[in-house]
């Protein structure tokens, strides 16, 4: 089971899993639209804020065009290879 630090929300987990499962790099708007298409009830402003929070925690990185993708640390988190203390 993956650790879930206090700052992390269920939306964060959904975003990370979605990007990993679909092997995508997306900016916030297309990410939001695809999450909704896949049945997630998440607002655009929430997605926009959470990708920034995930970037601050080095789980996502943003390129010069504004697209977010998983980092090595993000992949390690999804694989269950990080302790909760590593994410605080």
N, C-alpha and C. Protein backbone atom coordinates (compact mmCIF):
# COMPACT_ATOMS: atom_id res chain seq x y z
N UNK A 1 0.84 -1.18 0.00
CA UNK A 1 0.00 0.00 0.00
C UNK A 1 0.88 1.25 0.00
N UNK A 2 0.46 2.25 -0.74
CA UNK A 2 1.22 3.49 -0.84
C UNK A 2 1.03 4.35 0.41
N UNK A 3 2.07 5.02 0.83
CA UNK A 3 1.92 5.97 1.93
C UNK A 3 1.14 7.19 1.43
N UNK A 4 0.39 7.80 2.32
CA UNK A 4 -0.32 9.02 1.97
C UNK A 4 -0.02 10.07 3.03
N UNK A 5 0.86 11.01 2.71
CA UNK A 5 1.19 12.06 3.69
C UNK A 5 -0.01 12.99 3.91
N UNK A 6 0.04 13.74 4.99
CA UNK A 6 -1.07 14.60 5.36
C UNK A 6 -1.45 15.65 4.33
N UNK A 7 -0.52 16.12 3.53
CA UNK A 7 -0.81 17.15 2.54
C UNK A 7 -1.49 16.60 1.29
N UNK A 8 -1.41 15.30 1.07
CA UNK A 8 -1.90 14.69 -0.17
C UNK A 8 -3.41 14.46 -0.10
N UNK A 9 -4.08 14.76 -1.21
CA UNK A 9 -5.52 14.55 -1.31
C UNK A 9 -5.81 13.37 -2.24
N UNK A 10 -7.06 12.93 -2.22
CA UNK A 10 -7.47 11.85 -3.12
C UNK A 10 -7.33 12.31 -4.58
N UNK A 11 -7.55 13.58 -4.82
CA UNK A 11 -7.36 14.12 -6.18
C UNK A 11 -5.93 13.93 -6.65
N UNK A 12 -4.97 14.11 -5.74
CA UNK A 12 -3.56 13.91 -6.10
C UNK A 12 -3.32 12.49 -6.58
N UNK A 13 -3.86 11.55 -5.85
CA UNK A 13 -3.70 10.13 -6.20
C UNK A 13 -4.34 9.85 -7.56
N UNK A 14 -5.52 10.41 -7.79
CA UNK A 14 -6.22 10.22 -9.07
C UNK A 14 -5.38 10.79 -10.21
N UNK A 15 -4.84 11.99 -10.03
CA UNK A 15 -4.01 12.62 -11.07
C UNK A 15 -2.77 11.78 -11.36
N UNK A 16 -2.06 11.38 -10.33
CA UNK A 16 -0.85 10.59 -10.52
C UNK A 16 -1.16 9.27 -11.21
N UNK A 17 -2.18 8.58 -10.73
CA UNK A 17 -2.56 7.29 -11.34
C UNK A 17 -2.96 7.47 -12.80
N UNK A 18 -3.72 8.51 -13.09
CA UNK A 18 -4.18 8.74 -14.46
C UNK A 18 -3.01 8.98 -15.41
N UNK A 19 -2.11 9.88 -15.02
CA UNK A 19 -0.95 10.15 -15.87
C UNK A 19 -0.09 8.90 -16.07
N UNK A 20 0.04 8.12 -15.02
CA UNK A 20 0.83 6.88 -15.12
C UNK A 20 0.12 5.84 -15.99
N UNK A 21 -1.14 5.60 -15.70
CA UNK A 21 -1.88 4.55 -16.41
C UNK A 21 -2.00 4.82 -17.90
N UNK A 22 -2.08 6.09 -18.27
CA UNK A 22 -2.24 6.45 -19.68
C UNK A 22 -0.95 6.94 -20.33
N UNK A 23 0.14 6.95 -19.55
CA UNK A 23 1.46 7.36 -20.04
C UNK A 23 1.38 8.69 -20.80
N UNK A 24 0.86 9.71 -20.10
CA UNK A 24 0.60 10.99 -20.73
C UNK A 24 1.37 12.13 -20.09
N UNK A 25 1.55 13.19 -20.87
CA UNK A 25 1.99 14.50 -20.41
C UNK A 25 0.85 15.44 -20.78
N UNK A 26 0.29 16.14 -19.80
CA UNK A 26 -0.86 17.01 -20.08
C UNK A 26 -0.75 18.32 -19.32
N UNK A 27 -1.31 19.37 -19.91
CA UNK A 27 -1.48 20.62 -19.18
C UNK A 27 -2.76 20.48 -18.35
N UNK A 28 -2.99 21.38 -17.39
CA UNK A 28 -4.13 21.21 -16.49
C UNK A 28 -5.49 21.09 -17.17
N UNK A 29 -5.78 21.90 -18.19
CA UNK A 29 -7.12 21.85 -18.82
C UNK A 29 -7.40 20.51 -19.47
N UNK A 30 -6.53 19.99 -20.35
CA UNK A 30 -6.79 18.67 -20.92
C UNK A 30 -6.80 17.56 -19.86
N UNK A 31 -5.97 17.70 -18.83
CA UNK A 31 -5.98 16.71 -17.75
C UNK A 31 -7.34 16.71 -17.08
N UNK A 32 -7.84 17.89 -16.73
CA UNK A 32 -9.17 18.01 -16.13
C UNK A 32 -10.23 17.38 -17.02
N UNK A 33 -10.23 17.74 -18.30
CA UNK A 33 -11.27 17.22 -19.22
C UNK A 33 -11.21 15.70 -19.33
N UNK A 34 -10.02 15.13 -19.35
CA UNK A 34 -9.89 13.68 -19.44
C UNK A 34 -10.29 13.00 -18.14
N UNK A 35 -9.98 13.60 -17.02
CA UNK A 35 -10.41 13.02 -15.74
C UNK A 35 -11.94 12.98 -15.67
N UNK A 36 -12.59 14.06 -16.08
CA UNK A 36 -14.06 14.10 -16.09
C UNK A 36 -14.61 13.05 -17.05
N UNK A 37 -14.02 12.93 -18.22
CA UNK A 37 -14.46 11.91 -19.20
C UNK A 37 -14.35 10.51 -18.63
N UNK A 38 -13.41 10.30 -17.73
CA UNK A 38 -13.22 8.98 -17.12
C UNK A 38 -13.98 8.84 -15.81
N UNK A 39 -14.94 9.73 -15.57
CA UNK A 39 -15.86 9.57 -14.46
C UNK A 39 -15.47 10.21 -13.14
N UNK A 40 -14.44 11.02 -13.12
CA UNK A 40 -14.02 11.67 -11.88
C UNK A 40 -14.73 13.02 -11.74
N UNK A 41 -15.30 13.27 -10.59
CA UNK A 41 -16.01 14.52 -10.31
C UNK A 41 -15.03 15.50 -9.66
N UNK A 42 -14.23 16.15 -10.49
CA UNK A 42 -13.18 17.05 -10.03
C UNK A 42 -13.31 18.35 -10.80
N UNK A 43 -13.17 19.47 -10.12
CA UNK A 43 -13.23 20.77 -10.78
C UNK A 43 -11.90 21.16 -11.40
N UNK A 44 -11.97 22.02 -12.40
CA UNK A 44 -10.76 22.47 -13.08
C UNK A 44 -9.81 23.20 -12.13
N UNK A 45 -10.34 24.08 -11.30
CA UNK A 45 -9.46 24.83 -10.39
C UNK A 45 -8.77 23.89 -9.41
N UNK A 46 -9.44 22.82 -9.03
CA UNK A 46 -8.83 21.82 -8.15
C UNK A 46 -7.67 21.13 -8.85
N UNK A 47 -7.89 20.71 -10.08
CA UNK A 47 -6.82 20.05 -10.85
C UNK A 47 -5.64 21.00 -11.02
N UNK A 48 -5.92 22.23 -11.39
CA UNK A 48 -4.86 23.22 -11.60
C UNK A 48 -4.04 23.43 -10.33
N UNK A 49 -4.71 23.52 -9.20
CA UNK A 49 -3.99 23.69 -7.93
C UNK A 49 -3.22 22.46 -7.50
N UNK A 50 -3.80 21.30 -7.72
CA UNK A 50 -3.15 20.07 -7.26
C UNK A 50 -1.93 19.71 -8.10
N UNK A 51 -1.94 19.99 -9.41
CA UNK A 51 -0.73 19.69 -10.19
C UNK A 51 0.42 20.58 -9.73
N UNK A 52 0.11 21.79 -9.32
CA UNK A 52 1.15 22.67 -8.78
C UNK A 52 1.70 22.11 -7.47
N UNK A 53 0.81 21.64 -6.62
CA UNK A 53 1.25 21.05 -5.34
C UNK A 53 2.10 19.81 -5.58
N UNK A 54 1.71 18.99 -6.54
CA UNK A 54 2.48 17.78 -6.86
C UNK A 54 3.83 18.14 -7.47
N UNK A 55 3.88 19.24 -8.21
CA UNK A 55 5.16 19.71 -8.74
C UNK A 55 6.06 20.18 -7.60
N UNK A 56 5.50 20.89 -6.64
CA UNK A 56 6.28 21.35 -5.49
C UNK A 56 6.87 20.19 -4.69
N UNK A 57 6.19 19.06 -4.70
CA UNK A 57 6.66 17.88 -3.98
C UNK A 57 7.53 16.99 -4.86
N UNK A 58 7.84 17.44 -6.08
CA UNK A 58 8.68 16.72 -7.04
C UNK A 58 8.09 15.37 -7.44
N UNK A 59 6.76 15.30 -7.49
CA UNK A 59 6.10 14.10 -8.00
C UNK A 59 5.71 14.30 -9.47
N UNK A 60 5.53 15.56 -9.86
CA UNK A 60 5.30 15.94 -11.25
C UNK A 60 6.31 17.01 -11.63
N UNK A 61 6.60 17.10 -12.91
CA UNK A 61 7.41 18.20 -13.41
C UNK A 61 6.70 18.83 -14.60
N UNK A 62 6.88 20.14 -14.74
CA UNK A 62 6.24 20.87 -15.83
C UNK A 62 7.31 21.30 -16.82
N UNK A 63 7.04 21.09 -18.10
CA UNK A 63 7.99 21.52 -19.12
C UNK A 63 7.71 22.97 -19.52
N UNK A 64 8.48 23.48 -20.44
CA UNK A 64 8.36 24.88 -20.86
C UNK A 64 7.03 25.19 -21.54
N UNK A 65 6.34 24.18 -22.04
CA UNK A 65 5.05 24.37 -22.70
C UNK A 65 3.87 24.23 -21.73
N UNK A 66 4.15 23.95 -20.44
CA UNK A 66 3.09 23.84 -19.45
C UNK A 66 2.51 22.46 -19.29
N UNK A 67 3.18 21.45 -19.82
CA UNK A 67 2.70 20.07 -19.70
C UNK A 67 3.34 19.41 -18.49
N UNK A 68 2.53 18.69 -17.74
CA UNK A 68 3.00 17.99 -16.55
C UNK A 68 3.18 16.51 -16.85
N UNK A 69 4.25 15.95 -16.28
CA UNK A 69 4.50 14.52 -16.39
C UNK A 69 5.06 14.03 -15.07
N UNK A 70 4.99 12.73 -14.87
CA UNK A 70 5.53 12.13 -13.65
C UNK A 70 7.05 12.27 -13.62
N UNK A 71 7.58 12.47 -12.44
CA UNK A 71 9.03 12.45 -12.23
C UNK A 71 9.42 11.05 -11.80
N UNK A 72 10.71 10.80 -11.67
CA UNK A 72 11.17 9.53 -11.13
C UNK A 72 10.63 9.31 -9.73
N UNK A 73 10.59 10.40 -8.95
CA UNK A 73 10.04 10.32 -7.59
C UNK A 73 8.55 9.99 -7.63
N UNK A 74 7.83 10.55 -8.60
CA UNK A 74 6.41 10.24 -8.77
C UNK A 74 6.20 8.78 -9.11
N UNK A 75 7.04 8.26 -9.98
CA UNK A 75 6.94 6.83 -10.33
C UNK A 75 7.29 5.95 -9.13
N UNK A 76 8.29 6.37 -8.35
CA UNK A 76 8.66 5.62 -7.15
C UNK A 76 7.50 5.62 -6.15
N UNK A 77 6.82 6.76 -6.01
CA UNK A 77 5.66 6.82 -5.12
C UNK A 77 4.59 5.83 -5.56
N UNK A 78 4.27 5.84 -6.85
CA UNK A 78 3.23 4.95 -7.36
C UNK A 78 3.62 3.47 -7.22
N UNK A 79 4.91 3.19 -7.25
CA UNK A 79 5.37 1.80 -7.11
C UNK A 79 5.45 1.38 -5.64
N UNK A 80 5.16 2.32 -4.73
CA UNK A 80 5.22 2.00 -3.29
C UNK A 80 6.63 1.96 -2.75
N UNK A 81 7.54 2.65 -3.42
CA UNK A 81 8.96 2.60 -3.03
C UNK A 81 9.40 3.77 -2.15
N UNK A 82 8.46 4.63 -1.74
CA UNK A 82 8.79 5.75 -0.87
C UNK A 82 8.10 5.58 0.48
N UNK A 83 8.80 5.92 1.55
CA UNK A 83 8.20 5.95 2.88
C UNK A 83 7.39 7.23 3.01
N UNK A 84 6.38 7.21 3.89
CA UNK A 84 5.57 8.41 4.12
C UNK A 84 6.45 9.58 4.57
N UNK A 85 7.48 9.30 5.34
CA UNK A 85 8.40 10.36 5.81
C UNK A 85 9.11 11.02 4.65
N UNK A 86 9.34 10.30 3.56
CA UNK A 86 9.99 10.87 2.38
C UNK A 86 9.10 11.87 1.65
N UNK A 87 7.82 11.83 1.95
CA UNK A 87 6.86 12.70 1.26
C UNK A 87 6.39 13.87 2.12
N UNK A 88 6.88 13.96 3.33
CA UNK A 88 6.45 15.07 4.22
C UNK A 88 7.27 16.30 3.97
